[in-house]
Amino acid sequence: MTGGVTTEPAILDAMELTSDPELEAQLVESAHRILADLVSRGAALGWVEPPSRDEVAELLGHVVSAVRAGDAALRAAYLGRRLVGLGYWLRYARPTHRPHADLEKIAVDAAAHGRGVGRALTAALIADARAAGIEVLTLDARGDNTNALHLYRSLGFTQYGRLPDFVAVGERRYDKVFYMLDFRQQG
């Protein structure tokens, strides 16, 4: 413990984030810093080049709107007042898929890796999905993202598919791996 900062991350939901004007004002800047840094390091977050601040602002605006409509959950991890991670799921838009949601992003600041932030975020998002009545929570990950795949399996996700060499990053190709957590099978 240094400088009075706790070692356990505080995991806030979208309503907590948007009810604190200071946190809400800093969210886009902090999220952009984390996402751009991770993507520049080769992280599998859906971008080939680091996203712009405006892209991150648009994404977060979309997610917060979906949260307010009951169609998403957003979680942010803080160590002290510093954002060190974020993640969200979105309910599927297609009417026949509405009982289900997709865990779209989990991003943890490189400086906070190995401190349980990704696990805490993912566990909170799983709890949010269960509370929202989601039947099946899905996600996909790049096949070489072994730490994330291990985390998801340890939290109860099972693999249901794989597309070989589907993800293109320049000339490199990676498998796209599909995981699911079926709440209908749990008592």
N, C-alpha and C. Protein backbone atom coordinates (compact mmCIF):
# COMPACT_ATOMS: atom_id res chain seq x y z
N MET A 1 0.85 -1.17 0.00
CA MET A 1 0.00 0.00 0.00
C MET A 1 0.89 1.24 0.00
N THR A 2 0.68 2.12 -0.97
CA THR A 2 1.49 3.33 -1.04
C THR A 2 0.59 4.54 -1.16
N GLY A 3 0.94 5.60 -0.49
CA GLY A 3 0.22 6.86 -0.62
C GLY A 3 -1.24 6.77 -0.22
N GLY A 4 -1.60 5.83 0.65
CA GLY A 4 -2.98 5.72 1.10
C GLY A 4 -3.90 5.07 0.09
N VAL A 5 -3.38 4.55 -0.99
CA VAL A 5 -4.21 3.91 -2.01
C VAL A 5 -4.45 2.46 -1.60
N THR A 6 -5.69 2.05 -1.61
CA THR A 6 -6.00 0.67 -1.23
C THR A 6 -5.52 -0.27 -2.32
N THR A 7 -5.31 -1.53 -1.93
CA THR A 7 -4.85 -2.52 -2.90
C THR A 7 -6.01 -3.17 -3.63
N GLU A 8 -7.22 -3.13 -3.05
CA GLU A 8 -8.40 -3.69 -3.69
C GLU A 8 -9.07 -2.62 -4.56
N PRO A 9 -9.39 -2.97 -5.80
CA PRO A 9 -10.06 -1.96 -6.64
C PRO A 9 -11.51 -1.74 -6.19
N ALA A 10 -11.96 -0.52 -6.30
CA ALA A 10 -13.37 -0.20 -6.10
C ALA A 10 -14.03 -0.35 -7.46
N ILE A 11 -15.10 -1.14 -7.52
CA ILE A 11 -15.79 -1.39 -8.79
C ILE A 11 -17.10 -0.61 -8.78
N LEU A 12 -17.18 0.41 -9.60
CA LEU A 12 -18.36 1.28 -9.67
C LEU A 12 -19.21 0.92 -10.88
N ASP A 13 -20.53 1.10 -10.73
CA ASP A 13 -21.41 0.89 -11.87
C ASP A 13 -21.69 2.24 -12.55
N ALA A 14 -22.41 2.19 -13.65
CA ALA A 14 -22.64 3.40 -14.46
C ALA A 14 -23.36 4.48 -13.67
N MET A 15 -24.30 4.09 -12.83
CA MET A 15 -25.03 5.10 -12.07
C MET A 15 -24.12 5.78 -11.05
N GLU A 16 -23.23 5.03 -10.42
CA GLU A 16 -22.28 5.63 -9.48
C GLU A 16 -21.32 6.56 -10.22
N LEU A 17 -20.90 6.15 -11.42
CA LEU A 17 -19.98 6.98 -12.21
C LEU A 17 -20.63 8.29 -12.63
N THR A 18 -21.87 8.21 -13.09
CA THR A 18 -22.52 9.41 -13.62
C THR A 18 -23.11 10.28 -12.52
N SER A 19 -23.18 9.77 -11.27
CA SER A 19 -23.69 10.60 -10.18
C SER A 19 -22.57 11.41 -9.52
N ASP A 20 -21.33 11.11 -9.84
CA ASP A 20 -20.18 11.85 -9.31
C ASP A 20 -19.62 12.71 -10.44
N PRO A 21 -19.90 14.04 -10.40
CA PRO A 21 -19.49 14.90 -11.52
C PRO A 21 -18.00 14.83 -11.84
N GLU A 22 -17.16 14.71 -10.81
CA GLU A 22 -15.72 14.65 -11.05
C GLU A 22 -15.33 13.36 -11.78
N LEU A 23 -15.86 12.22 -11.31
CA LEU A 23 -15.56 10.95 -11.97
C LEU A 23 -16.10 10.93 -13.40
N GLU A 24 -17.32 11.41 -13.56
CA GLU A 24 -17.94 11.42 -14.89
C GLU A 24 -17.12 12.27 -15.85
N ALA A 25 -16.64 13.43 -15.39
CA ALA A 25 -15.85 14.32 -16.25
C ALA A 25 -14.53 13.68 -16.66
N GLN A 26 -13.95 12.89 -15.77
CA GLN A 26 -12.66 12.27 -16.05
C GLN A 26 -12.77 10.94 -16.79
N LEU A 27 -13.96 10.36 -16.84
CA LEU A 27 -14.12 9.01 -17.38
C LEU A 27 -13.62 8.88 -18.82
N VAL A 28 -14.03 9.78 -19.69
CA VAL A 28 -13.63 9.67 -21.09
C VAL A 28 -12.12 9.79 -21.24
N GLU A 29 -11.52 10.78 -20.58
CA GLU A 29 -10.06 10.96 -20.68
C GLU A 29 -9.32 9.74 -20.16
N SER A 30 -9.74 9.26 -18.99
CA SER A 30 -9.06 8.11 -18.38
C SER A 30 -9.26 6.84 -19.19
N ALA A 31 -10.48 6.62 -19.67
CA ALA A 31 -10.76 5.44 -20.49
C ALA A 31 -9.97 5.50 -21.79
N HIS A 32 -9.89 6.68 -22.39
CA HIS A 32 -9.12 6.84 -23.63
C HIS A 32 -7.65 6.51 -23.38
N ARG A 33 -7.10 7.00 -22.28
CA ARG A 33 -5.70 6.74 -21.94
C ARG A 33 -5.46 5.24 -21.85
N ILE A 34 -6.31 4.54 -21.13
CA ILE A 34 -6.15 3.09 -20.94
C ILE A 34 -6.29 2.36 -22.27
N LEU A 35 -7.37 2.61 -23.00
CA LEU A 35 -7.63 1.89 -24.25
C LEU A 35 -6.56 2.16 -25.30
N ALA A 36 -6.18 3.42 -25.46
CA ALA A 36 -5.16 3.76 -26.47
C ALA A 36 -3.83 3.10 -26.13
N ASP A 37 -3.46 3.12 -24.84
CA ASP A 37 -2.20 2.50 -24.42
C ASP A 37 -2.24 0.99 -24.67
N LEU A 38 -3.32 0.34 -24.27
CA LEU A 38 -3.41 -1.11 -24.45
C LEU A 38 -3.35 -1.50 -25.93
N VAL A 39 -4.10 -0.78 -26.77
CA VAL A 39 -4.11 -1.10 -28.20
C VAL A 39 -2.72 -0.85 -28.80
N SER A 40 -2.05 0.21 -28.38
CA SER A 40 -0.70 0.47 -28.91
C SER A 40 0.27 -0.64 -28.52
N ARG A 41 -0.03 -1.36 -27.42
CA ARG A 41 0.80 -2.48 -26.97
C ARG A 41 0.36 -3.81 -27.60
N GLY A 42 -0.66 -3.75 -28.49
CA GLY A 42 -1.10 -4.96 -29.18
C GLY A 42 -2.26 -5.68 -28.54
N ALA A 43 -2.94 -5.05 -27.57
CA ALA A 43 -4.06 -5.70 -26.89
C ALA A 43 -5.19 -6.00 -27.86
N ALA A 44 -5.89 -7.07 -27.59
CA ALA A 44 -7.00 -7.53 -28.42
C ALA A 44 -8.30 -6.89 -27.94
N LEU A 45 -8.53 -5.65 -28.34
CA LEU A 45 -9.72 -4.91 -27.91
C LEU A 45 -10.60 -4.47 -29.08
N GLY A 46 -10.31 -4.97 -30.28
CA GLY A 46 -11.15 -4.65 -31.42
C GLY A 46 -10.62 -3.55 -32.33
N TRP A 47 -9.58 -2.86 -31.91
CA TRP A 47 -8.98 -1.82 -32.73
C TRP A 47 -7.60 -2.29 -33.20
N VAL A 48 -7.23 -1.90 -34.41
CA VAL A 48 -5.88 -2.15 -34.91
C VAL A 48 -4.98 -0.98 -34.50
N GLU A 49 -5.51 0.24 -34.64
CA GLU A 49 -4.81 1.46 -34.22
C GLU A 49 -5.50 1.98 -32.96
N PRO A 50 -4.77 2.65 -32.08
CA PRO A 50 -5.40 3.19 -30.88
C PRO A 50 -6.59 4.08 -31.23
N PRO A 51 -7.70 3.93 -30.48
CA PRO A 51 -8.88 4.74 -30.76
C PRO A 51 -8.63 6.20 -30.39
N SER A 52 -9.34 7.08 -31.07
CA SER A 52 -9.25 8.51 -30.73
C SER A 52 -10.09 8.79 -29.49
N ARG A 53 -9.87 9.93 -28.90
CA ARG A 53 -10.67 10.33 -27.75
C ARG A 53 -12.14 10.39 -28.13
N ASP A 54 -12.44 10.90 -29.32
CA ASP A 54 -13.83 11.01 -29.76
C ASP A 54 -14.47 9.62 -29.93
N GLU A 55 -13.72 8.64 -30.43
CA GLU A 55 -14.25 7.28 -30.56
C GLU A 55 -14.61 6.71 -29.19
N VAL A 56 -13.74 6.94 -28.23
CA VAL A 56 -13.98 6.44 -26.88
C VAL A 56 -15.19 7.16 -26.27
N ALA A 57 -15.29 8.47 -26.46
CA ALA A 57 -16.43 9.23 -25.94
C ALA A 57 -17.73 8.72 -26.55
N GLU A 58 -17.72 8.46 -27.85
CA GLU A 58 -18.92 7.95 -28.53
C GLU A 58 -19.29 6.57 -28.00
N LEU A 59 -18.30 5.71 -27.85
CA LEU A 59 -18.54 4.36 -27.33
C LEU A 59 -19.14 4.43 -25.93
N LEU A 60 -18.54 5.20 -25.03
CA LEU A 60 -19.04 5.29 -23.67
C LEU A 60 -20.44 5.91 -23.63
N GLY A 61 -20.68 6.89 -24.48
CA GLY A 61 -22.02 7.49 -24.56
C GLY A 61 -23.05 6.47 -24.97
N HIS A 62 -22.71 5.64 -25.94
CA HIS A 62 -23.61 4.57 -26.40
C HIS A 62 -23.89 3.58 -25.27
N VAL A 63 -22.85 3.17 -24.57
CA VAL A 63 -23.00 2.19 -23.49
C VAL A 63 -23.84 2.79 -22.36
N VAL A 64 -23.57 4.02 -21.94
CA VAL A 64 -24.34 4.63 -20.86
C VAL A 64 -25.81 4.78 -21.26
N SER A 65 -26.07 5.14 -22.50
CA SER A 65 -27.47 5.21 -22.96
C SER A 65 -28.14 3.85 -22.88
N ALA A 66 -27.41 2.80 -23.27
CA ALA A 66 -27.96 1.45 -23.20
C ALA A 66 -28.19 1.03 -21.74
N VAL A 67 -27.29 1.43 -20.84
CA VAL A 67 -27.48 1.14 -19.41
C VAL A 67 -28.78 1.77 -18.94
N ARG A 68 -28.99 3.03 -19.30
CA ARG A 68 -30.21 3.74 -18.86
C ARG A 68 -31.48 3.09 -19.41
N ALA A 69 -31.36 2.43 -20.57
CA ALA A 69 -32.51 1.73 -21.18
C ALA A 69 -32.66 0.31 -20.65
N GLY A 70 -31.76 -0.11 -19.76
CA GLY A 70 -31.82 -1.47 -19.22
C GLY A 70 -31.21 -2.51 -20.13
N ASP A 71 -30.42 -2.07 -21.11
CA ASP A 71 -29.87 -2.98 -22.11
C ASP A 71 -28.36 -3.17 -22.01
N ALA A 72 -27.76 -2.79 -20.89
CA ALA A 72 -26.31 -2.89 -20.75
C ALA A 72 -25.92 -2.76 -19.29
N ALA A 73 -24.68 -3.09 -19.04
CA ALA A 73 -24.05 -2.80 -17.74
C ALA A 73 -22.64 -2.29 -18.04
N LEU A 74 -22.23 -1.30 -17.30
CA LEU A 74 -20.89 -0.72 -17.41
C LEU A 74 -20.29 -0.73 -16.02
N ARG A 75 -19.06 -1.18 -15.92
CA ARG A 75 -18.35 -1.18 -14.65
C ARG A 75 -16.99 -0.53 -14.85
N ALA A 76 -16.54 0.20 -13.83
CA ALA A 76 -15.23 0.84 -13.86
C ALA A 76 -14.51 0.53 -12.56
N ALA A 77 -13.23 0.22 -12.68
CA ALA A 77 -12.40 -0.12 -11.51
C ALA A 77 -11.50 1.06 -11.18
N TYR A 78 -11.48 1.40 -9.90
CA TYR A 78 -10.65 2.51 -9.43
C TYR A 78 -9.74 2.03 -8.31
N LEU A 79 -8.52 2.50 -8.36
CA LEU A 79 -7.61 2.40 -7.23
C LEU A 79 -7.45 3.84 -6.76
N GLY A 80 -8.00 4.14 -5.61
CA GLY A 80 -8.11 5.53 -5.19
C GLY A 80 -9.07 6.24 -6.13
N ARG A 81 -8.66 7.35 -6.69
CA ARG A 81 -9.50 8.08 -7.66
C ARG A 81 -9.01 7.86 -9.09
N ARG A 82 -8.14 6.87 -9.28
CA ARG A 82 -7.57 6.62 -10.61
C ARG A 82 -8.27 5.44 -11.28
N LEU A 83 -8.81 5.68 -12.47
CA LEU A 83 -9.43 4.62 -13.25
C LEU A 83 -8.34 3.65 -13.70
N VAL A 84 -8.51 2.36 -13.39
CA VAL A 84 -7.53 1.36 -13.79
C VAL A 84 -8.15 0.26 -14.65
N GLY A 85 -9.44 0.35 -14.90
CA GLY A 85 -10.06 -0.65 -15.76
C GLY A 85 -11.52 -0.36 -15.99
N LEU A 86 -12.05 -0.91 -17.08
CA LEU A 86 -13.46 -0.78 -17.36
C LEU A 86 -13.91 -1.97 -18.22
N GLY A 87 -15.19 -2.21 -18.17
CA GLY A 87 -15.77 -3.28 -18.97
C GLY A 87 -17.26 -3.07 -19.09
N TYR A 88 -17.84 -3.72 -20.08
CA TYR A 88 -19.29 -3.61 -20.26
C TYR A 88 -19.83 -4.79 -21.04
N TRP A 89 -21.14 -5.00 -20.86
CA TRP A 89 -21.87 -5.91 -21.73
C TRP A 89 -23.06 -5.16 -22.30
N LEU A 90 -23.49 -5.61 -23.47
CA LEU A 90 -24.67 -5.05 -24.14
C LEU A 90 -25.64 -6.17 -24.46
N ARG A 91 -26.90 -5.91 -24.22
CA ARG A 91 -27.94 -6.86 -24.62
C ARG A 91 -27.98 -6.91 -26.15
N TYR A 92 -28.20 -8.09 -26.69
CA TYR A 92 -28.31 -8.22 -28.15
C TYR A 92 -29.53 -7.45 -28.65
N ALA A 93 -29.39 -6.77 -29.78
CA ALA A 93 -30.46 -5.94 -30.33
C ALA A 93 -31.53 -6.76 -31.06
N ARG A 94 -31.14 -7.84 -31.71
CA ARG A 94 -32.09 -8.64 -32.48
C ARG A 94 -33.18 -9.17 -31.54
N PRO A 95 -34.46 -8.98 -31.89
CA PRO A 95 -35.55 -9.39 -30.99
C PRO A 95 -35.47 -10.84 -30.50
N THR A 96 -35.05 -11.74 -31.35
CA THR A 96 -34.97 -13.15 -30.95
C THR A 96 -33.79 -13.43 -30.03
N HIS A 97 -32.89 -12.46 -29.88
CA HIS A 97 -31.72 -12.63 -29.02
C HIS A 97 -31.77 -11.76 -27.76
N ARG A 98 -32.87 -11.04 -27.55
CA ARG A 98 -32.98 -10.07 -26.45
C ARG A 98 -32.75 -10.66 -25.06
N PRO A 99 -33.00 -11.95 -24.81
CA PRO A 99 -32.73 -12.48 -23.47
C PRO A 99 -31.23 -12.60 -23.17
N HIS A 100 -30.39 -12.34 -24.16
CA HIS A 100 -28.97 -12.61 -24.04
C HIS A 100 -28.16 -11.31 -24.19
N ALA A 101 -26.91 -11.37 -23.73
CA ALA A 101 -26.03 -10.20 -23.82
C ALA A 101 -24.63 -10.65 -24.17
N ASP A 102 -23.83 -9.71 -24.68
CA ASP A 102 -22.45 -9.98 -25.07
C ASP A 102 -21.52 -9.11 -24.23
N LEU A 103 -20.58 -9.76 -23.55
CA LEU A 103 -19.54 -9.06 -22.81
C LEU A 103 -18.54 -8.57 -23.85
N GLU A 104 -18.58 -7.27 -24.14
CA GLU A 104 -17.85 -6.75 -25.29
C GLU A 104 -16.42 -6.32 -25.01
N LYS A 105 -16.18 -5.71 -23.86
CA LYS A 105 -14.82 -5.26 -23.57
C LYS A 105 -14.54 -5.36 -22.08
N ILE A 106 -13.35 -5.83 -21.78
CA ILE A 106 -12.75 -5.74 -20.44
C ILE A 106 -11.35 -5.19 -20.71
N ALA A 107 -11.05 -4.03 -20.14
CA ALA A 107 -9.75 -3.40 -20.37
C ALA A 107 -9.17 -2.98 -19.03
N VAL A 108 -7.94 -3.39 -18.76
CA VAL A 108 -7.26 -3.07 -17.51
C VAL A 108 -5.95 -2.37 -17.83
N ASP A 109 -5.73 -1.24 -17.19
CA ASP A 109 -4.50 -0.47 -17.34
C ASP A 109 -3.31 -1.41 -17.14
N ALA A 110 -2.34 -1.33 -18.05
CA ALA A 110 -1.17 -2.21 -17.99
C ALA A 110 -0.48 -2.14 -16.63
N ALA A 111 -0.48 -0.97 -15.99
CA ALA A 111 0.18 -0.82 -14.69
C ALA A 111 -0.56 -1.56 -13.58
N ALA A 112 -1.80 -1.96 -13.82
CA ALA A 112 -2.60 -2.65 -12.80
C ALA A 112 -2.77 -4.13 -13.10
N HIS A 113 -2.14 -4.64 -14.16
CA HIS A 113 -2.24 -6.06 -14.48
C HIS A 113 -1.74 -6.90 -13.32
N GLY A 114 -2.40 -8.04 -13.10
CA GLY A 114 -1.99 -8.95 -12.05
C GLY A 114 -2.49 -8.57 -10.66
N ARG A 115 -3.37 -7.58 -10.58
CA ARG A 115 -3.88 -7.13 -9.27
C ARG A 115 -5.33 -7.51 -9.05
N GLY A 116 -5.89 -8.37 -9.91
CA GLY A 116 -7.27 -8.83 -9.73
C GLY A 116 -8.32 -7.89 -10.28
N VAL A 117 -7.91 -6.87 -11.02
CA VAL A 117 -8.85 -5.88 -11.54
C VAL A 117 -9.76 -6.51 -12.60
N GLY A 118 -9.17 -7.26 -13.54
CA GLY A 118 -9.98 -7.91 -14.58
C GLY A 118 -10.97 -8.89 -13.99
N ARG A 119 -10.54 -9.66 -13.01
CA ARG A 119 -11.43 -10.62 -12.34
C ARG A 119 -12.58 -9.89 -11.64
N ALA A 120 -12.26 -8.81 -10.91
CA ALA A 120 -13.29 -8.06 -10.19
C ALA A 120 -14.29 -7.43 -11.15
N LEU A 121 -13.79 -6.86 -12.24
CA LEU A 121 -14.69 -6.27 -13.25
C LEU A 121 -15.60 -7.32 -13.86
N THR A 122 -15.00 -8.44 -14.28
CA THR A 122 -15.77 -9.49 -14.94
C THR A 122 -16.80 -10.08 -13.98
N ALA A 123 -16.41 -10.32 -12.74
CA ALA A 123 -17.35 -10.87 -11.76
C ALA A 123 -18.51 -9.91 -11.53
N ALA A 124 -18.24 -8.61 -11.45
CA ALA A 124 -19.31 -7.63 -11.27
C ALA A 124 -20.25 -7.61 -12.47
N LEU A 125 -19.68 -7.70 -13.67
CA LEU A 125 -20.52 -7.71 -14.88
C LEU A 125 -21.35 -8.99 -14.97
N ILE A 126 -20.80 -10.11 -14.53
CA ILE A 126 -21.57 -11.36 -14.49
C ILE A 126 -22.73 -11.20 -13.51
N ALA A 127 -22.47 -10.63 -12.34
CA ALA A 127 -23.54 -10.41 -11.35
C ALA A 127 -24.61 -9.47 -11.92
N ASP A 128 -24.19 -8.44 -12.64
CA ASP A 128 -25.14 -7.51 -13.25
C ASP A 128 -26.01 -8.24 -14.29
N ALA A 129 -25.38 -9.11 -15.08
CA ALA A 129 -26.14 -9.85 -16.10
C ALA A 129 -27.17 -10.76 -15.44
N ARG A 130 -26.76 -11.45 -14.41
CA ARG A 130 -27.67 -12.34 -13.68
C ARG A 130 -28.84 -11.53 -13.11
N ALA A 131 -28.53 -10.39 -12.48
CA ALA A 131 -29.58 -9.54 -11.88
C ALA A 131 -30.53 -8.96 -12.93
N ALA A 132 -30.01 -8.75 -14.15
CA ALA A 132 -30.83 -8.19 -15.23
C ALA A 132 -31.67 -9.26 -15.93
N GLY A 133 -31.53 -10.51 -15.49
CA GLY A 133 -32.30 -11.59 -16.11
C GLY A 133 -31.73 -12.09 -17.42
N ILE A 134 -30.47 -11.79 -17.68
CA ILE A 134 -29.83 -12.30 -18.89
C ILE A 134 -29.78 -13.83 -18.80
N GLU A 135 -30.12 -14.50 -19.88
CA GLU A 135 -30.09 -15.97 -19.87
C GLU A 135 -28.72 -16.52 -20.24
N VAL A 136 -28.10 -15.94 -21.28
CA VAL A 136 -26.78 -16.39 -21.71
C VAL A 136 -25.91 -15.16 -21.96
N LEU A 137 -24.76 -15.13 -21.30
CA LEU A 137 -23.77 -14.07 -21.49
C LEU A 137 -22.67 -14.65 -22.37
N THR A 138 -22.43 -14.01 -23.51
CA THR A 138 -21.42 -14.50 -24.43
C THR A 138 -20.25 -13.52 -24.47
N LEU A 139 -19.16 -13.98 -25.05
CA LEU A 139 -18.02 -13.11 -25.33
C LEU A 139 -17.18 -13.79 -26.39
N ASP A 140 -16.35 -13.01 -27.04
CA ASP A 140 -15.34 -13.60 -27.92
C ASP A 140 -14.01 -12.96 -27.58
N ALA A 141 -12.96 -13.72 -27.81
CA ALA A 141 -11.61 -13.25 -27.48
C ALA A 141 -10.65 -13.76 -28.54
N ARG A 142 -9.55 -13.06 -28.68
CA ARG A 142 -8.51 -13.50 -29.61
C ARG A 142 -7.84 -14.73 -29.01
N GLY A 143 -7.59 -15.71 -29.84
CA GLY A 143 -7.08 -17.00 -29.38
C GLY A 143 -5.75 -16.95 -28.67
N ASP A 144 -4.95 -15.92 -28.90
CA ASP A 144 -3.65 -15.84 -28.23
C ASP A 144 -3.73 -15.10 -26.89
N ASN A 145 -4.92 -14.66 -26.51
CA ASN A 145 -5.11 -13.91 -25.27
C ASN A 145 -5.31 -14.91 -24.11
N THR A 146 -4.25 -15.67 -23.83
CA THR A 146 -4.36 -16.79 -22.89
C THR A 146 -4.75 -16.37 -21.49
N ASN A 147 -4.28 -15.22 -21.01
CA ASN A 147 -4.66 -14.78 -19.67
C ASN A 147 -6.16 -14.52 -19.58
N ALA A 148 -6.71 -13.85 -20.57
CA ALA A 148 -8.15 -13.58 -20.57
C ALA A 148 -8.94 -14.88 -20.69
N LEU A 149 -8.52 -15.77 -21.57
CA LEU A 149 -9.24 -17.03 -21.73
C LEU A 149 -9.24 -17.84 -20.44
N HIS A 150 -8.10 -17.84 -19.75
CA HIS A 150 -8.03 -18.54 -18.46
C HIS A 150 -8.97 -17.89 -17.45
N LEU A 151 -8.99 -16.57 -17.40
CA LEU A 151 -9.88 -15.85 -16.49
C LEU A 151 -11.33 -16.23 -16.75
N TYR A 152 -11.75 -16.20 -18.01
CA TYR A 152 -13.15 -16.49 -18.34
C TYR A 152 -13.51 -17.92 -17.95
N ARG A 153 -12.64 -18.87 -18.24
CA ARG A 153 -12.91 -20.26 -17.84
C ARG A 153 -13.02 -20.38 -16.32
N SER A 154 -12.15 -19.68 -15.60
CA SER A 154 -12.17 -19.76 -14.14
C SER A 154 -13.44 -19.16 -13.54
N LEU A 155 -14.11 -18.32 -14.30
CA LEU A 155 -15.37 -17.70 -13.84
C LEU A 155 -16.60 -18.44 -14.36
N GLY A 156 -16.39 -19.59 -14.98
CA GLY A 156 -17.51 -20.44 -15.38
C GLY A 156 -17.89 -20.41 -16.85
N PHE A 157 -17.20 -19.61 -17.65
CA PHE A 157 -17.50 -19.59 -19.09
C PHE A 157 -17.00 -20.88 -19.74
N THR A 158 -17.71 -21.33 -20.75
CA THR A 158 -17.28 -22.49 -21.53
C THR A 158 -17.15 -22.09 -22.99
N GLN A 159 -16.19 -22.70 -23.66
CA GLN A 159 -15.98 -22.42 -25.08
C GLN A 159 -17.05 -23.14 -25.89
N TYR A 160 -17.63 -22.42 -26.88
CA TYR A 160 -18.61 -23.05 -27.75
C TYR A 160 -18.25 -22.93 -29.22
N GLY A 161 -17.10 -22.34 -29.52
CA GLY A 161 -16.70 -22.26 -30.92
C GLY A 161 -15.38 -21.56 -31.10
N ARG A 162 -14.84 -21.73 -32.30
CA ARG A 162 -13.55 -21.13 -32.66
C ARG A 162 -13.53 -20.95 -34.17
N LEU A 163 -13.14 -19.75 -34.60
CA LEU A 163 -12.93 -19.48 -36.03
C LEU A 163 -11.42 -19.33 -36.24
N PRO A 164 -10.78 -20.30 -36.89
CA PRO A 164 -9.33 -20.23 -37.10
C PRO A 164 -8.93 -19.03 -37.98
N ASP A 165 -7.87 -18.36 -37.58
CA ASP A 165 -7.27 -17.27 -38.37
C ASP A 165 -8.28 -16.21 -38.80
N PHE A 166 -9.24 -15.90 -37.95
CA PHE A 166 -10.34 -14.98 -38.29
C PHE A 166 -9.98 -13.52 -38.03
N VAL A 167 -9.20 -13.26 -36.99
CA VAL A 167 -8.87 -11.88 -36.60
C VAL A 167 -7.62 -11.46 -37.37
N ALA A 168 -7.75 -10.34 -38.09
CA ALA A 168 -6.64 -9.84 -38.91
C ALA A 168 -6.05 -8.58 -38.28
N VAL A 169 -4.77 -8.66 -37.96
CA VAL A 169 -4.03 -7.50 -37.46
C VAL A 169 -2.84 -7.37 -38.39
N GLY A 170 -2.99 -6.51 -39.41
CA GLY A 170 -1.97 -6.42 -40.44
C GLY A 170 -1.88 -7.76 -41.15
N GLU A 171 -0.68 -8.31 -41.23
CA GLU A 171 -0.48 -9.60 -41.88
C GLU A 171 -0.72 -10.78 -40.93
N ARG A 172 -0.80 -10.50 -39.63
CA ARG A 172 -0.98 -11.57 -38.64
C ARG A 172 -2.43 -11.99 -38.56
N ARG A 173 -2.66 -13.27 -38.28
CA ARG A 173 -4.00 -13.82 -38.12
C ARG A 173 -4.08 -14.57 -36.81
N TYR A 174 -5.23 -14.44 -36.15
CA TYR A 174 -5.46 -15.08 -34.87
C TYR A 174 -6.83 -15.75 -34.89
N ASP A 175 -6.95 -16.82 -34.11
CA ASP A 175 -8.25 -17.45 -33.95
C ASP A 175 -9.17 -16.52 -33.16
N LYS A 176 -10.46 -16.60 -33.45
CA LYS A 176 -11.48 -15.92 -32.65
C LYS A 176 -12.18 -17.03 -31.87
N VAL A 177 -12.16 -16.91 -30.54
CA VAL A 177 -12.69 -17.95 -29.66
C VAL A 177 -13.97 -17.42 -29.01
N PHE A 178 -15.01 -18.26 -29.00
CA PHE A 178 -16.32 -17.88 -28.45
C PHE A 178 -16.57 -18.60 -27.13
N TYR A 179 -16.99 -17.84 -26.13
CA TYR A 179 -17.30 -18.37 -24.81
C TYR A 179 -18.71 -17.96 -24.41
N MET A 180 -19.30 -18.76 -23.52
CA MET A 180 -20.64 -18.45 -23.02
C MET A 180 -20.75 -18.84 -21.55
N LEU A 181 -21.62 -18.12 -20.87
CA LEU A 181 -21.99 -18.44 -19.50
C LEU A 181 -23.51 -18.53 -19.51
N ASP A 182 -24.02 -19.74 -19.34
CA ASP A 182 -25.45 -20.02 -19.46
C ASP A 182 -26.07 -20.02 -18.07
N PHE A 183 -26.77 -18.94 -17.73
CA PHE A 183 -27.40 -18.83 -16.42
C PHE A 183 -28.61 -19.76 -16.31
N ARG A 184 -29.16 -20.22 -17.43
CA ARG A 184 -30.29 -21.14 -17.38
C ARG A 184 -29.89 -22.49 -16.80
N GLN A 185 -28.59 -22.82 -16.90
CA GLN A 185 -28.10 -24.10 -16.42
C GLN A 185 -27.68 -24.06 -14.95
N GLN A 186 -27.77 -22.88 -14.35
CA GLN A 186 -27.33 -22.72 -12.96
C GLN A 186 -28.53 -22.54 -12.05
N GLY A 187 -28.47 -23.18 -10.91
CA GLY A 187 -29.60 -23.15 -9.98
C GLY A 187 -29.63 -22.02 -9.04
